[in-house]
Full PDB file with SEQRES, HELIX, SHEET, SSBOND, CRYST1, ORIGX, SCALE, CONECT and MASTER records, all heavy atoms in Angstrom:
SEQRES   1 A   31  ALA LEU THR THR VAL PRO ALA LEU LEU VAL ALA VAL ILE          
SEQRES   2 A   31  MET SER GLU ARG ARG ARG GLU LEU ALA ALA LEU ASP ARG          
SEQRES   3 A   31  ASP ALA GLN ARG LEU                                          
HELIX    1 AA1 THR A    4  ARG A   30  1                                  27    
CRYST1    1.000    1.000    1.000  90.00  90.00  90.00 P 1           1          
ORIGX1      1.000000  0.000000  0.000000        0.00000                         
ORIGX2      0.000000  1.000000  0.000000        0.00000                         
ORIGX3      0.000000  0.000000  1.000000        0.00000                         
SCALE1      1.000000  0.000000  0.000000        0.00000                         
SCALE2      0.000000  1.000000  0.000000        0.00000                         
SCALE3      0.000000  0.000000  1.000000        0.00000                         
ATOM      1  N   ALA A   1      -5.566   8.219 -20.997  1.00  0.00           N  
ATOM      2  CA  ALA A   1      -6.383   7.986 -19.809  1.00  0.00           C  
ATOM      3  C   ALA A   1      -6.407   6.511 -19.446  1.00  0.00           C  
ATOM      4  O   ALA A   1      -6.277   6.136 -18.269  1.00  0.00           O  
ATOM      5  CB  ALA A   1      -7.799   8.520 -20.027  1.00  0.00           C  
ATOM      6  N   LEU A   2      -6.595   5.644 -20.457  1.00  0.00           N  
ATOM      7  CA  LEU A   2      -6.624   4.211 -20.192  1.00  0.00           C  
ATOM      8  C   LEU A   2      -5.262   3.714 -19.710  1.00  0.00           C  
ATOM      9  O   LEU A   2      -5.173   2.734 -18.967  1.00  0.00           O  
ATOM     10  CB  LEU A   2      -7.041   3.450 -21.452  1.00  0.00           C  
ATOM     11  CG  LEU A   2      -8.487   3.673 -21.915  1.00  0.00           C  
ATOM     12  CD1 LEU A   2      -8.736   2.967 -23.233  1.00  0.00           C  
ATOM     13  CD2 LEU A   2      -9.465   3.182 -20.860  1.00  0.00           C  
ATOM     14  N   THR A   3      -4.193   4.399 -20.126  1.00  0.00           N  
ATOM     15  CA  THR A   3      -2.855   4.033 -19.654  1.00  0.00           C  
ATOM     16  C   THR A   3      -2.635   4.460 -18.198  1.00  0.00           C  
ATOM     17  O   THR A   3      -1.972   3.764 -17.425  1.00  0.00           O  
ATOM     18  CB  THR A   3      -1.791   4.688 -20.546  1.00  0.00           C  
ATOM     19  OG1 THR A   3      -1.994   4.257 -21.894  1.00  0.00           O  
ATOM     20  CG2 THR A   3      -0.387   4.318 -20.110  1.00  0.00           C  
ATOM     21  N   THR A   4      -3.224   5.589 -17.851  1.00  0.00           N  
ATOM     22  CA  THR A   4      -3.023   6.124 -16.498  1.00  0.00           C  
ATOM     23  C   THR A   4      -3.804   5.352 -15.445  1.00  0.00           C  
ATOM     24  O   THR A   4      -3.311   5.145 -14.328  1.00  0.00           O  
ATOM     25  CB  THR A   4      -3.461   7.603 -16.483  1.00  0.00           C  
ATOM     26  OG1 THR A   4      -2.701   8.327 -17.444  1.00  0.00           O  
ATOM     27  CG2 THR A   4      -3.258   8.213 -15.103  1.00  0.00           C  
ATOM     28  N   VAL A   5      -5.002   4.915 -15.808  1.00  0.00           N  
ATOM     29  CA  VAL A   5      -5.862   4.245 -14.824  1.00  0.00           C  
ATOM     30  C   VAL A   5      -5.205   3.032 -14.186  1.00  0.00           C  
ATOM     31  O   VAL A   5      -5.156   2.937 -12.955  1.00  0.00           O  
ATOM     32  CB  VAL A   5      -7.224   3.892 -15.458  1.00  0.00           C  
ATOM     33  CG1 VAL A   5      -8.014   2.964 -14.530  1.00  0.00           C  
ATOM     34  CG2 VAL A   5      -8.018   5.144 -15.747  1.00  0.00           C  
ATOM     35  N   PRO A   6      -4.667   2.055 -14.951  1.00  0.00           N  
ATOM     36  CA  PRO A   6      -4.027   0.903 -14.294  1.00  0.00           C  
ATOM     37  C   PRO A   6      -2.843   1.304 -13.417  1.00  0.00           C  
ATOM     38  O   PRO A   6      -2.649   0.730 -12.330  1.00  0.00           O  
ATOM     39  CB  PRO A   6      -3.588   0.024 -15.474  1.00  0.00           C  
ATOM     40  CG  PRO A   6      -4.433   0.443 -16.618  1.00  0.00           C  
ATOM     41  CD  PRO A   6      -4.663   1.912 -16.416  1.00  0.00           C  
ATOM     42  N   ALA A   7      -2.043   2.281 -13.890  1.00  0.00           N  
ATOM     43  CA  ALA A   7      -0.884   2.693 -13.095  1.00  0.00           C  
ATOM     44  C   ALA A   7      -1.324   3.276 -11.754  1.00  0.00           C  
ATOM     45  O   ALA A   7      -0.735   2.987 -10.706  1.00  0.00           O  
ATOM     46  CB  ALA A   7      -0.037   3.688 -13.875  1.00  0.00           C  
ATOM     47  N   LEU A   8      -2.364   4.112 -11.777  1.00  0.00           N  
ATOM     48  CA  LEU A   8      -2.860   4.683 -10.536  1.00  0.00           C  
ATOM     49  C   LEU A   8      -3.404   3.608  -9.598  1.00  0.00           C  
ATOM     50  O   LEU A   8      -3.191   3.646  -8.384  1.00  0.00           O  
ATOM     51  CB  LEU A   8      -3.935   5.733 -10.822  1.00  0.00           C  
ATOM     52  CG  LEU A   8      -3.459   7.058 -11.398  1.00  0.00           C  
ATOM     53  CD1 LEU A   8      -4.630   7.960 -11.703  1.00  0.00           C  
ATOM     54  CD2 LEU A   8      -2.489   7.739 -10.451  1.00  0.00           C  
ATOM     55  N   LEU A   9      -4.133   2.646 -10.163  1.00  0.00           N  
ATOM     56  CA  LEU A   9      -4.671   1.562  -9.353  1.00  0.00           C  
ATOM     57  C   LEU A   9      -3.540   0.764  -8.688  1.00  0.00           C  
ATOM     58  O   LEU A   9      -3.600   0.458  -7.490  1.00  0.00           O  
ATOM     59  CB  LEU A   9      -5.556   0.648 -10.192  1.00  0.00           C  
ATOM     60  CG  LEU A   9      -6.965   1.144 -10.468  1.00  0.00           C  
ATOM     61  CD1 LEU A   9      -7.678   0.217 -11.457  1.00  0.00           C  
ATOM     62  CD2 LEU A   9      -7.765   1.254  -9.188  1.00  0.00           C  
ATOM     63  N   VAL A  10      -2.520   0.444  -9.487  1.00  0.00           N  
ATOM     64  CA  VAL A  10      -1.387  -0.330  -8.934  1.00  0.00           C  
ATOM     65  C   VAL A  10      -0.665   0.498  -7.869  1.00  0.00           C  
ATOM     66  O   VAL A  10      -0.274  -0.008  -6.803  1.00  0.00           O  
ATOM     67  CB  VAL A  10      -0.430  -0.726 -10.059  1.00  0.00           C  
ATOM     68  CG1 VAL A  10       0.858  -1.322  -9.472  1.00  0.00           C  
ATOM     69  CG2 VAL A  10      -1.097  -1.735 -10.987  1.00  0.00           C  
ATOM     70  N   ALA A  11      -0.500   1.811  -8.141  1.00  0.00           N  
ATOM     71  CA  ALA A  11       0.180   2.680  -7.147  1.00  0.00           C  
ATOM     72  C   ALA A  11      -0.595   2.721  -5.839  1.00  0.00           C  
ATOM     73  O   ALA A  11      -0.008   2.647  -4.747  1.00  0.00           O  
ATOM     74  CB  ALA A  11       0.343   4.083  -7.720  1.00  0.00           C  
ATOM     75  N   VAL A  12      -1.929   2.812  -5.931  1.00  0.00           N  
ATOM     76  CA  VAL A  12      -2.729   2.858  -4.701  1.00  0.00           C  
ATOM     77  C   VAL A  12      -2.680   1.511  -3.990  1.00  0.00           C  
ATOM     78  O   VAL A  12      -2.591   1.447  -2.760  1.00  0.00           O  
ATOM     79  CB  VAL A  12      -4.179   3.242  -5.058  1.00  0.00           C  
ATOM     80  CG1 VAL A  12      -5.091   3.064  -3.841  1.00  0.00           C  
ATOM     81  CG2 VAL A  12      -4.229   4.695  -5.522  1.00  0.00           C  
ATOM     82  N   ILE A  13      -2.727   0.425  -4.767  1.00  0.00           N  
ATOM     83  CA  ILE A  13      -2.639  -0.915  -4.144  1.00  0.00           C  
ATOM     84  C   ILE A  13      -1.305  -1.068  -3.419  1.00  0.00           C  
ATOM     85  O   ILE A  13      -1.255  -1.570  -2.281  1.00  0.00           O  
ATOM     86  CB  ILE A  13      -2.809  -2.014  -5.211  1.00  0.00           C  
ATOM     87  CG1 ILE A  13      -4.260  -2.025  -5.730  1.00  0.00           C  
ATOM     88  CG2 ILE A  13      -2.460  -3.378  -4.634  1.00  0.00           C  
ATOM     89  CD1 ILE A  13      -4.475  -2.929  -6.909  1.00  0.00           C  
ATOM     90  N   MET A  14      -0.211  -0.641  -4.049  1.00  0.00           N  
ATOM     91  CA  MET A  14       1.087  -0.745  -3.403  1.00  0.00           C  
ATOM     92  C   MET A  14       1.171   0.166  -2.185  1.00  0.00           C  
ATOM     93  O   MET A  14       1.735  -0.219  -1.146  1.00  0.00           O  
ATOM     94  CB  MET A  14       2.192  -0.360  -4.405  1.00  0.00           C  
ATOM     95  CG  MET A  14       2.355  -1.352  -5.556  1.00  0.00           C  
ATOM     96  SD  MET A  14       2.754  -3.019  -4.950  1.00  0.00           S  
ATOM     97  CE  MET A  14       4.310  -2.718  -4.138  1.00  0.00           C  
ATOM     98  N   SER A  15       0.581   1.370  -2.296  1.00  0.00           N  
ATOM     99  CA  SER A  15       0.572   2.272  -1.136  1.00  0.00           C  
ATOM    100  C   SER A  15      -0.215   1.668   0.016  1.00  0.00           C  
ATOM    101  O   SER A  15       0.213   1.723   1.178  1.00  0.00           O  
ATOM    102  CB  SER A  15      -0.015   3.608  -1.539  1.00  0.00           C  
ATOM    103  OG  SER A  15      -0.121   4.484  -0.440  1.00  0.00           O  
ATOM    104  N   GLU A  16      -1.360   1.063  -0.315  1.00  0.00           N  
ATOM    105  CA  GLU A  16      -2.174   0.430   0.717  1.00  0.00           C  
ATOM    106  C   GLU A  16      -1.414  -0.748   1.348  1.00  0.00           C  
ATOM    107  O   GLU A  16      -1.455  -0.974   2.564  1.00  0.00           O  
ATOM    108  CB  GLU A  16      -3.480  -0.054   0.115  1.00  0.00           C  
ATOM    109  CG  GLU A  16      -4.546  -0.439   1.126  1.00  0.00           C  
ATOM    110  CD  GLU A  16      -5.895  -0.693   0.469  1.00  0.00           C  
ATOM    111  OE1 GLU A  16      -5.980  -0.609  -0.793  1.00  0.00           O  
ATOM    112  OE2 GLU A  16      -6.851  -0.941   1.180  1.00  0.00           O  
ATOM    113  N   ARG A  17      -0.726  -1.501   0.505  1.00  0.00           N  
ATOM    114  CA  ARG A  17       0.061  -2.631   1.008  1.00  0.00           C  
ATOM    115  C   ARG A  17       1.171  -2.158   1.927  1.00  0.00           C  
ATOM    116  O   ARG A  17       1.446  -2.766   2.972  1.00  0.00           O  
ATOM    117  CB  ARG A  17       0.626  -3.425  -0.155  1.00  0.00           C  
ATOM    118  CG  ARG A  17       1.434  -4.635   0.229  1.00  0.00           C  
ATOM    119  CD  ARG A  17       1.805  -5.460  -0.990  1.00  0.00           C  
ATOM    120  NE  ARG A  17       2.639  -6.591  -0.640  1.00  0.00           N  
ATOM    121  CZ  ARG A  17       3.971  -6.552  -0.615  1.00  0.00           C  
ATOM    122  NH1 ARG A  17       4.589  -5.417  -0.925  1.00  0.00           N  
ATOM    123  NH2 ARG A  17       4.674  -7.610  -0.284  1.00  0.00           N  
ATOM    124  N   ARG A  18       1.843  -1.059   1.539  1.00  0.00           N  
ATOM    125  CA  ARG A  18       2.917  -0.534   2.379  1.00  0.00           C  
ATOM    126  C   ARG A  18       2.357  -0.064   3.741  1.00  0.00           C  
ATOM    127  O   ARG A  18       2.994  -0.267   4.779  1.00  0.00           O  
ATOM    128  CB  ARG A  18       3.623   0.639   1.683  1.00  0.00           C  
ATOM    129  CG  ARG A  18       4.479   0.228   0.491  1.00  0.00           C  
ATOM    130  CD  ARG A  18       5.351   1.394   0.054  1.00  0.00           C  
ATOM    131  NE  ARG A  18       6.053   1.079  -1.176  1.00  0.00           N  
ATOM    132  CZ  ARG A  18       5.704   1.530  -2.379  1.00  0.00           C  
ATOM    133  NH1 ARG A  18       4.646   2.320  -2.500  1.00  0.00           N  
ATOM    134  NH2 ARG A  18       6.385   1.206  -3.455  1.00  0.00           N  
ATOM    135  N   ARG A  19       1.190   0.556   3.701  1.00  0.00           N  
ATOM    136  CA  ARG A  19       0.588   0.994   4.974  1.00  0.00           C  
ATOM    137  C   ARG A  19       0.237  -0.194   5.844  1.00  0.00           C  
ATOM    138  O   ARG A  19       0.441  -0.165   7.059  1.00  0.00           O  
ATOM    139  CB  ARG A  19      -0.675   1.819   4.693  1.00  0.00           C  
ATOM    140  CG  ARG A  19      -0.407   3.210   4.179  1.00  0.00           C  
ATOM    141  CD  ARG A  19      -1.625   4.102   4.348  1.00  0.00           C  
ATOM    142  NE  ARG A  19      -2.808   3.492   3.749  1.00  0.00           N  
ATOM    143  CZ  ARG A  19      -3.156   3.598   2.474  1.00  0.00           C  
ATOM    144  NH1 ARG A  19      -2.410   4.295   1.647  1.00  0.00           N  
ATOM    145  NH2 ARG A  19      -4.258   3.040   2.014  1.00  0.00           N  
ATOM    146  N   GLU A  20      -0.317  -1.246   5.227  1.00  0.00           N  
ATOM    147  CA  GLU A  20      -0.671  -2.433   6.006  1.00  0.00           C  
ATOM    148  C   GLU A  20       0.586  -3.096   6.591  1.00  0.00           C  
ATOM    149  O   GLU A  20       0.589  -3.519   7.746  1.00  0.00           O  
ATOM    150  CB  GLU A  20      -1.429  -3.426   5.134  1.00  0.00           C  
ATOM    151  CG  GLU A  20      -2.819  -2.937   4.751  1.00  0.00           C  
ATOM    152  CD  GLU A  20      -3.514  -3.879   3.780  1.00  0.00           C  
ATOM    153  OE1 GLU A  20      -2.831  -4.825   3.307  1.00  0.00           O  
ATOM    154  OE2 GLU A  20      -4.696  -3.664   3.481  1.00  0.00           O  
ATOM    155  N   LEU A  21       1.648  -3.177   5.767  1.00  0.00           N  
ATOM    156  CA  LEU A  21       2.893  -3.749   6.276  1.00  0.00           C  
ATOM    157  C   LEU A  21       3.482  -2.884   7.385  1.00  0.00           C  
ATOM    158  O   LEU A  21       3.995  -3.412   8.386  1.00  0.00           O  
ATOM    159  CB  LEU A  21       3.912  -3.918   5.130  1.00  0.00           C  
ATOM    160  CG  LEU A  21       3.573  -4.977   4.079  1.00  0.00           C  
ATOM    161  CD1 LEU A  21       4.600  -4.937   2.964  1.00  0.00           C  
ATOM    162  CD2 LEU A  21       3.525  -6.358   4.702  1.00  0.00           C  
ATOM    163  N   ALA A  22       3.403  -1.560   7.195  1.00  0.00           N  
ATOM    164  CA  ALA A  22       3.906  -0.671   8.234  1.00  0.00           C  
ATOM    165  C   ALA A  22       3.087  -0.823   9.519  1.00  0.00           C  
ATOM    166  O   ALA A  22       3.635  -0.799  10.618  1.00  0.00           O  
ATOM    167  CB  ALA A  22       3.865   0.788   7.742  1.00  0.00           C  
ATOM    168  N   ALA A  23       1.749  -0.977   9.346  1.00  0.00           N  
ATOM    169  CA  ALA A  23       0.907  -1.158  10.534  1.00  0.00           C  
ATOM    170  C   ALA A  23       1.251  -2.468  11.229  1.00  0.00           C  
ATOM    171  O   ALA A  23       1.307  -2.539  12.462  1.00  0.00           O  
ATOM    172  CB  ALA A  23      -0.559  -1.141  10.115  1.00  0.00           C  
ATOM    173  N   LEU A  24       1.467  -3.532  10.417  1.00  0.00           N  
ATOM    174  CA  LEU A  24       1.857  -4.821  11.016  1.00  0.00           C  
ATOM    175  C   LEU A  24       3.193  -4.684  11.734  1.00  0.00           C  
ATOM    176  O   LEU A  24       3.382  -5.251  12.821  1.00  0.00           O  
ATOM    177  CB  LEU A  24       1.942  -5.884   9.921  1.00  0.00           C  
ATOM    178  CG  LEU A  24       0.609  -6.390   9.353  1.00  0.00           C  
ATOM    179  CD1 LEU A  24       0.856  -7.339   8.202  1.00  0.00           C  
ATOM    180  CD2 LEU A  24      -0.198  -7.073  10.448  1.00  0.00           C  
ATOM    181  N   ASP A  25       4.118  -3.945  11.104  1.00  0.00           N  
ATOM    182  CA  ASP A  25       5.424  -3.761  11.737  1.00  0.00           C  
ATOM    183  C   ASP A  25       5.297  -2.983  13.040  1.00  0.00           C  
ATOM    184  O   ASP A  25       5.935  -3.334  14.037  1.00  0.00           O  
ATOM    185  CB  ASP A  25       6.348  -3.019  10.759  1.00  0.00           C  
ATOM    186  CG  ASP A  25       7.748  -2.876  11.311  1.00  0.00           C  
ATOM    187  OD1 ASP A  25       8.391  -3.891  11.584  1.00  0.00           O  
ATOM    188  OD2 ASP A  25       8.208  -1.715  11.469  1.00  0.00           O  
ATOM    189  N   ARG A  26       4.456  -1.945  13.037  1.00  0.00           N  
ATOM    190  CA  ARG A  26       4.249  -1.184  14.271  1.00  0.00           C  
ATOM    191  C   ARG A  26       3.599  -2.056  15.344  1.00  0.00           C  
ATOM    192  O   ARG A  26       3.982  -2.006  16.523  1.00  0.00           O  
ATOM    193  CB  ARG A  26       3.380   0.044  14.001  1.00  0.00           C  
ATOM    194  CG  ARG A  26       4.082   1.151  13.230  1.00  0.00           C  
ATOM    195  CD  ARG A  26       3.291   2.438  13.289  1.00  0.00           C  
ATOM    196  NE  ARG A  26       1.962   2.275  12.687  1.00  0.00           N  
ATOM    197  CZ  ARG A  26       1.689   2.488  11.415  1.00  0.00           C  
ATOM    198  NH1 ARG A  26       2.650   2.855  10.581  1.00  0.00           N  
ATOM    199  NH2 ARG A  26       0.471   2.341  10.946  1.00  0.00           N  
ATOM    200  N   ASP A  27       2.603  -2.873  14.919  1.00  0.00           N  
ATOM    201  CA  ASP A  27       1.948  -3.749  15.891  1.00  0.00           C  
ATOM    202  C   ASP A  27       2.952  -4.767  16.439  1.00  0.00           C  
ATOM    203  O   ASP A  27       2.942  -5.065  17.654  1.00  0.00           O  
ATOM    204  CB  ASP A  27       0.784  -4.494  15.239  1.00  0.00           C  
ATOM    205  CG  ASP A  27      -0.379  -3.553  14.929  1.00  0.00           C  
ATOM    206  OD1 ASP A  27      -0.408  -2.456  15.510  1.00  0.00           O  
ATOM    207  OD2 ASP A  27      -1.231  -3.919  14.108  1.00  0.00           O  
ATOM    208  N   ALA A  28       3.802  -5.304  15.549  1.00  0.00           N  
ATOM    209  CA  ALA A  28       4.807  -6.254  16.013  1.00  0.00           C  
ATOM    210  C   ALA A  28       5.779  -5.598  16.972  1.00  0.00           C  
ATOM    211  O   ALA A  28       6.182  -6.197  17.987  1.00  0.00           O  
ATOM    212  CB  ALA A  28       5.556  -6.842  14.808  1.00  0.00           C  
ATOM    213  N   GLN A  29       6.175  -4.338  16.676  1.00  0.00           N  
ATOM    214  CA  GLN A  29       7.074  -3.628  17.582  1.00  0.00           C  
ATOM    215  C   GLN A  29       6.409  -3.374  18.924  1.00  0.00           C  
ATOM    216  O   GLN A  29       7.030  -3.538  19.979  1.00  0.00           O  
ATOM    217  CB  GLN A  29       7.519  -2.320  16.951  1.00  0.00           C  
ATOM    218  CG  GLN A  29       8.499  -2.483  15.811  1.00  0.00           C  
ATOM    219  CD  GLN A  29       8.951  -1.155  15.241  1.00  0.00           C  
ATOM    220  OE1 GLN A  29       8.395  -0.091  15.566  1.00  0.00           O  
ATOM    221  NE2 GLN A  29       9.955  -1.178  14.383  1.00  0.00           N  
ATOM    222  N   ARG A  30       5.127  -2.953  18.878  1.00  0.00           N  
ATOM    223  CA  ARG A  30       4.415  -2.722  20.136  1.00  0.00           C  
ATOM    224  C   ARG A  30       4.324  -4.006  20.950  1.00  0.00           C  
ATOM    225  O   ARG A  30       4.514  -3.998  22.167  1.00  0.00           O  
ATOM    226  CB  ARG A  30       3.018  -2.168  19.847  1.00  0.00           C  
ATOM    227  CG  ARG A  30       3.003  -0.771  19.236  1.00  0.00           C  
ATOM    228  CD  ARG A  30       1.607  -0.229  19.190  1.00  0.00           C  
ATOM    229  NE  ARG A  30       1.544   1.048  18.461  1.00  0.00           N  
ATOM    230  CZ  ARG A  30       0.988   1.190  17.260  1.00  0.00           C  
ATOM    231  NH1 ARG A  30       0.448   0.146  16.665  1.00  0.00           N  
ATOM    232  NH2 ARG A  30       0.966   2.369  16.662  1.00  0.00           N  
ATOM    233  N   LEU A  31       3.998  -5.107  20.249  1.00  0.00           N  
ATOM    234  CA  LEU A  31       3.905  -6.391  20.948  1.00  0.00           C  
ATOM    235  C   LEU A  31       5.248  -6.784  21.525  1.00  0.00           C  
ATOM    236  O   LEU A  31       5.348  -7.245  22.682  1.00  0.00           O  
ATOM    237  CB  LEU A  31       3.414  -7.478  19.994  1.00  0.00           C  
ATOM    238  CG  LEU A  31       3.319  -8.896  20.574  1.00  0.00           C  
ATOM    239  CD1 LEU A  31       2.371  -8.943  21.752  1.00  0.00           C  
ATOM    240  CD2 LEU A  31       2.869  -9.886  19.494  1.00  0.00           C  
TER     241      LEU A  31                                                      
MASTER        0    0    0    1    0    0    0    6  240    1    0    3          
END                                                                             
């Protein structure tokens, strides 16, 4: 369980970062 927790946190952080980058990319394309 202690091994899984950090991996899940990192995965969610990376997923959130990808969404933010994708949102920035979409905003840049719209602009």
